[in-house]
Amino acid sequence: MGFIAPSILLYLLATFLLVRTVGTDVAGPGRTWRWPALAAIALHAGYHLWIAWQTPGGPDMHFFSALSLVALGMAAVTTVFATRSRMATVGVVAFPLAALMLAAYHAYGHRPSPPLDWRLQLHAWLALLAYATLGIAAVLAIMLWVQERALRRRAFNAWLRALPPLTELETLLFRTITVGFVLLTAVLLTGTVFVENLFAQHLIHKTVLSVLSWLAFGGLLLGRWRRGWRGATAVGWTLTAMALLVLAFFGSKAVLELILHRTVGS
């Protein structure tokens, strides 16, 4: 397929342009990375559309396809909303991840999907968008932890200067979590209304873990509002909640599809 190699190379080119300019521009990476990133995202999305066109049934939401779509979402959100140049450093993680997941989907994916009506498709797309948004929040949390650790050790370097200021990074983290929390709430609501027979579809453990993740993200936002939680507390809660979400979706999909060879709902 003509989508794969160019998309991966463009993702890597965008990553290279970001890394190359980190140490030379104290205001953060320039914007030369955006064009290869946008082109890579377009090709990545085009590949999924081409597969959907060629495959009968609903959109492919199996394990490797879901991984690729979430990574695509992370790359797209990073590119579109990186209005401040230093925020683009998230792409150093998001772009190689998107390239890796696209390659994995090309090599191991392409399973036919059962037909899904518009309600289940809405639920599935909301879920992928929520996971992509909260995945970026997890990357921001790790950056926040790295920055605080470096400041405590007085280890000032080019990467530290490339990141947004600590307070700005913290604010961006909570804004991203808020958006992701709203999306995750919509996912749980649409799942409750649209998905039938949770036990028959082996989805009850996924639902429980998703609710626990939702409670953790909600508890973090409440703690931020009522008690001003920040720093290590925010990082710990964010990564714990994201780990629960990864187990809920990708952990269950890996067990059911790759080990037990069962096809389940979104």
Protein backbone atom coordinates (compact mmCIF):
# COMPACT_ATOMS: atom_id res chain seq x y z
CA MET A 1 0.00 0.00 0.00
CA GLY A 2 1.23 3.43 -0.93
CA PHE A 3 0.00 4.96 2.34
CA ILE A 4 2.22 3.12 4.79
CA ALA A 5 5.86 3.92 3.98
CA PRO A 6 5.31 7.63 3.19
CA SER A 7 3.24 8.13 6.35
CA ILE A 8 5.84 6.46 8.58
CA LEU A 9 8.70 8.40 6.97
CA LEU A 10 6.82 11.68 7.34
CA TYR A 11 6.09 10.97 11.01
CA LEU A 12 9.77 10.29 11.57
CA LEU A 13 10.73 13.43 9.62
CA ALA A 14 8.41 15.53 11.79
CA THR A 15 9.97 13.96 14.90
CA PHE A 16 13.47 14.67 13.59
CA LEU A 17 12.63 18.31 12.90
CA LEU A 18 11.27 18.68 16.43
CA VAL A 19 14.31 17.05 18.05
CA ARG A 20 16.78 18.99 15.90
CA THR A 21 15.38 22.38 16.86
CA VAL A 22 14.96 21.74 20.59
CA GLY A 23 18.52 22.58 21.46
CA THR A 24 18.84 25.52 19.09
CA ASP A 25 15.64 27.52 19.74
CA VAL A 26 15.13 28.56 23.35
CA ALA A 27 11.56 29.56 22.51
CA GLY A 28 10.84 25.98 21.50
CA PRO A 29 10.68 24.07 18.21
CA GLY A 30 9.81 25.97 15.08
CA ARG A 31 6.92 25.12 12.82
CA THR A 32 8.70 23.27 10.01
CA TRP A 33 7.56 19.98 11.55
CA ARG A 34 3.87 20.75 10.92
CA TRP A 35 3.79 20.09 7.19
CA PRO A 36 5.27 16.57 7.34
CA ALA A 37 3.13 15.87 10.42
CA LEU A 38 -0.08 16.96 8.63
CA ALA A 39 0.84 14.94 5.55
CA ALA A 40 1.59 11.86 7.70
CA ILE A 41 -1.73 12.21 9.52
CA ALA A 42 -3.61 12.54 6.23
CA LEU A 43 -1.97 9.39 4.84
CA HIS A 44 -2.53 7.53 8.11
CA ALA A 45 -6.23 8.44 8.06
CA GLY A 46 -6.42 7.62 4.36
CA TYR A 47 -5.10 4.12 5.03
CA HIS A 48 -7.85 3.45 7.58
CA LEU A 49 -10.46 4.80 5.16
CA TRP A 50 -9.12 2.60 2.38
CA ILE A 51 -9.26 -0.48 4.62
CA ALA A 52 -12.80 0.42 5.71
CA TRP A 53 -13.81 0.72 2.04
CA GLN A 54 -12.31 -2.67 1.20
CA THR A 55 -13.64 -4.52 4.25
CA PRO A 56 -17.29 -5.59 4.57
CA GLY A 57 -19.12 -4.85 7.79
CA GLY A 58 -18.55 -1.94 10.11
CA PRO A 59 -15.35 0.03 10.69
CA ASP A 60 -12.45 -2.07 11.95
CA MET A 61 -12.24 -1.61 15.73
CA HIS A 62 -10.11 -4.64 16.55
CA PHE A 63 -6.97 -4.51 18.68
CA PHE A 64 -4.32 -3.27 16.25
CA SER A 65 -6.73 -1.03 14.38
CA ALA A 66 -7.84 0.58 17.65
CA LEU A 67 -4.21 1.12 18.67
CA SER A 68 -3.50 2.76 15.32
CA LEU A 69 -6.60 4.97 15.50
CA VAL A 70 -5.82 6.15 19.04
CA ALA A 71 -2.23 6.95 18.03
CA LEU A 72 -3.57 8.78 14.97
CA GLY A 73 -5.86 10.77 17.25
CA MET A 74 -2.97 11.68 19.54
CA ALA A 75 -0.87 12.86 16.58
CA ALA A 76 -3.77 14.85 15.13
CA VAL A 77 -4.72 16.52 18.42
CA THR A 78 -1.07 17.37 19.07
CA THR A 79 -0.67 18.94 15.63
CA VAL A 80 -3.94 20.86 15.56
CA PHE A 81 -3.81 22.24 19.09
CA ALA A 82 -0.08 22.92 19.40
CA THR A 83 -0.67 26.62 18.87
CA ARG A 84 2.15 27.44 21.26
CA SER A 85 5.44 26.30 19.77
CA ARG A 86 6.82 24.66 22.92
CA MET A 87 3.70 22.52 23.26
CA ALA A 88 4.74 20.81 20.03
CA THR A 89 7.27 18.78 22.02
CA VAL A 90 4.44 16.31 22.73
CA GLY A 91 4.94 15.28 19.11
CA VAL A 92 8.31 13.77 20.00
CA VAL A 93 6.27 11.01 21.67
CA ALA A 94 3.05 11.13 19.62
CA PHE A 95 4.56 10.96 16.12
CA PRO A 96 6.85 7.93 16.57
CA LEU A 97 4.03 6.19 18.43
CA ALA A 98 1.67 6.82 15.52
CA ALA A 99 4.26 5.48 13.06
CA LEU A 100 4.79 2.34 15.17
CA MET A 101 1.07 1.65 15.61
CA LEU A 102 0.40 2.20 11.90
CA ALA A 103 3.12 -0.33 11.04
CA ALA A 104 1.69 -2.81 13.56
CA TYR A 105 -1.80 -2.43 12.13
CA HIS A 106 -0.52 -2.94 8.59
CA ALA A 107 1.35 -6.07 9.64
CA TYR A 108 -1.14 -7.69 12.02
CA GLY A 109 -4.55 -6.05 11.54
CA HIS A 110 -7.24 -6.15 8.84
CA ARG A 111 -9.76 -8.43 10.49
CA PRO A 112 -13.36 -8.24 9.20
CA SER A 113 -15.71 -6.51 11.61
CA PRO A 114 -19.33 -7.29 12.43
CA PRO A 115 -21.82 -4.68 11.23
CA LEU A 116 -22.35 -1.84 13.71
CA ASP A 117 -25.32 0.51 13.66
CA TRP A 118 -24.79 4.25 14.03
CA ARG A 119 -25.27 4.16 17.81
CA LEU A 120 -22.47 1.67 18.39
CA GLN A 121 -20.29 3.47 15.87
CA LEU A 122 -20.85 6.72 17.78
CA HIS A 123 -19.91 4.96 21.02
CA ALA A 124 -16.76 3.50 19.45
CA TRP A 125 -15.57 6.78 17.91
CA LEU A 126 -16.18 8.67 21.15
CA ALA A 127 -14.14 6.04 22.96
CA LEU A 128 -11.21 6.36 20.57
CA LEU A 129 -11.28 10.16 20.84
CA ALA A 130 -11.42 9.97 24.65
CA TYR A 131 -8.48 7.54 24.77
CA ALA A 132 -6.45 9.75 22.42
CA THR A 133 -7.13 12.88 24.50
CA LEU A 134 -6.36 11.19 27.80
CA GLY A 135 -3.30 9.57 26.23
CA ILE A 136 -1.97 13.08 25.56
CA ALA A 137 -2.76 13.93 29.19
CA ALA A 138 -0.60 10.99 30.26
CA VAL A 139 2.28 12.28 28.10
CA LEU A 140 1.85 15.75 29.63
CA ALA A 141 1.88 14.23 33.11
CA ILE A 142 5.17 12.48 32.40
CA MET A 143 6.61 15.74 31.04
CA LEU A 144 5.45 17.52 34.19
CA TRP A 145 7.15 14.89 36.36
CA VAL A 146 10.38 15.15 34.32
CA GLN A 147 10.35 18.93 34.54
CA GLU A 148 9.75 19.03 38.30
CA ARG A 149 12.46 16.42 38.88
CA ALA A 150 14.93 18.36 36.73
CA LEU A 151 14.15 21.62 38.54
CA ARG A 152 14.67 20.02 41.94
CA ARG A 153 18.05 18.75 40.78
CA ARG A 154 18.86 22.04 39.03
CA ALA A 155 19.47 20.07 35.85
CA PHE A 156 18.72 22.76 33.27
CA ASN A 157 19.09 21.55 29.68
CA ALA A 158 17.73 22.14 26.19
CA TRP A 159 14.81 19.78 26.63
CA LEU A 160 13.74 21.53 29.82
CA ARG A 161 13.80 24.89 28.04
CA ALA A 162 11.77 23.44 25.18
CA LEU A 163 8.88 22.55 27.48
CA PRO A 164 6.24 25.08 28.47
CA PRO A 165 6.77 26.76 31.87
CA LEU A 166 5.79 24.55 34.79
CA THR A 167 2.57 26.39 35.62
CA GLU A 168 1.54 26.50 31.96
CA LEU A 169 2.23 22.79 31.53
CA GLU A 170 0.20 22.02 34.65
CA THR A 171 -2.71 24.14 33.43
CA LEU A 172 -2.60 22.44 30.03
CA LEU A 173 -2.58 19.03 31.73
CA PHE A 174 -5.78 19.76 33.64
CA ARG A 175 -7.49 21.29 30.63
CA THR A 176 -6.69 18.17 28.62
CA ILE A 177 -7.94 15.93 31.43
CA THR A 178 -11.16 17.96 31.62
CA VAL A 179 -11.84 17.47 27.91
CA GLY A 180 -10.96 13.79 28.14
CA PHE A 181 -13.17 13.37 31.21
CA VAL A 182 -16.15 14.86 29.38
CA LEU A 183 -15.53 12.53 26.43
CA LEU A 184 -15.13 9.53 28.73
CA THR A 185 -18.41 10.44 30.43
CA ALA A 186 -20.09 10.44 27.02
CA VAL A 187 -18.51 7.04 26.28
CA LEU A 188 -19.91 5.53 29.47
CA LEU A 189 -23.33 7.05 28.90
CA THR A 190 -23.57 5.85 25.29
CA GLY A 191 -22.29 2.44 26.36
CA THR A 192 -24.97 2.18 29.02
CA VAL A 193 -27.71 3.20 26.59
CA PHE A 194 -26.57 1.52 23.36
CA VAL A 195 -24.62 -1.61 24.33
CA GLU A 196 -26.76 -4.62 25.23
CA ASN A 197 -25.88 -7.89 26.97
CA LEU A 198 -22.60 -6.82 28.61
CA PHE A 199 -22.16 -10.25 30.19
CA ALA A 200 -22.78 -12.10 26.93
CA GLN A 201 -20.24 -9.93 25.12
CA HIS A 202 -17.59 -10.31 27.86
CA LEU A 203 -17.62 -6.54 28.42
CA ILE A 204 -18.39 -6.35 32.14
CA HIS A 205 -14.71 -6.23 33.21
CA LYS A 206 -14.08 -3.52 30.61
CA THR A 207 -16.98 -1.52 31.99
CA VAL A 208 -15.81 -1.86 35.60
CA LEU A 209 -12.27 -0.75 34.77
CA SER A 210 -13.57 2.15 32.67
CA VAL A 211 -15.77 3.33 35.54
CA LEU A 212 -12.81 3.10 37.95
CA SER A 213 -10.75 5.20 35.52
CA TRP A 214 -13.61 7.71 35.25
CA LEU A 215 -13.80 7.93 39.04
CA ALA A 216 -10.03 8.46 39.27
CA PHE A 217 -10.03 11.25 36.68
CA GLY A 218 -13.09 12.80 38.31
CA GLY A 219 -11.46 12.57 41.74
CA LEU A 220 -8.36 14.30 40.39
CA LEU A 221 -10.40 17.16 38.93
CA LEU A 222 -12.34 17.48 42.18
CA GLY A 223 -9.12 17.49 44.18
CA ARG A 224 -7.69 20.15 41.90
CA TRP A 225 -10.80 22.31 42.38
CA ARG A 226 -11.23 21.83 46.12
CA ARG A 227 -7.67 21.34 47.37
CA GLY A 228 -5.45 22.65 44.61
CA TRP A 229 -3.81 19.31 43.82
CA ARG A 230 -0.76 19.64 41.60
CA GLY A 231 2.72 18.26 40.98
CA ALA A 232 3.41 14.67 41.97
CA THR A 233 -0.17 14.17 43.16
CA ALA A 234 -1.58 15.16 39.77
CA VAL A 235 0.96 12.99 37.94
CA GLY A 236 0.22 9.95 40.10
CA TRP A 237 -3.55 10.22 39.72
CA THR A 238 -3.30 10.83 35.97
CA LEU A 239 -1.07 7.86 35.28
CA THR A 240 -3.09 5.56 37.54
CA ALA A 241 -6.35 6.55 35.86
CA MET A 242 -4.79 6.13 32.41
CA ALA A 243 -3.42 2.69 33.34
CA LEU A 244 -6.94 1.59 34.31
CA LEU A 245 -8.26 2.90 31.00
CA VAL A 246 -5.59 1.08 29.01
CA LEU A 247 -6.40 -2.14 30.86
CA ALA A 248 -10.11 -1.58 30.28
CA PHE A 249 -9.86 -1.21 26.53
CA PHE A 250 -6.62 -2.58 25.16
CA GLY A 251 -6.01 -5.12 27.93
CA SER A 252 -9.42 -6.69 27.44
CA LYS A 253 -9.08 -6.58 23.65
CA ALA A 254 -5.65 -8.22 23.80
CA VAL A 255 -6.91 -11.08 25.97
CA LEU A 256 -10.17 -11.65 24.11
CA GLU A 257 -8.94 -11.18 20.55
CA LEU A 258 -5.29 -12.25 20.57
CA ILE A 259 -5.40 -14.99 23.20
CA LEU A 260 -8.98 -16.27 23.27
CA HIS A 261 -9.68 -15.37 19.61
CA ARG A 262 -13.09 -13.93 20.33
CA THR A 263 -14.70 -10.96 18.60
CA VAL A 264 -16.51 -8.59 20.93
CA GLY A 265 -18.35 -5.30 20.67
CA SER A 266 -16.55 -1.96 20.80
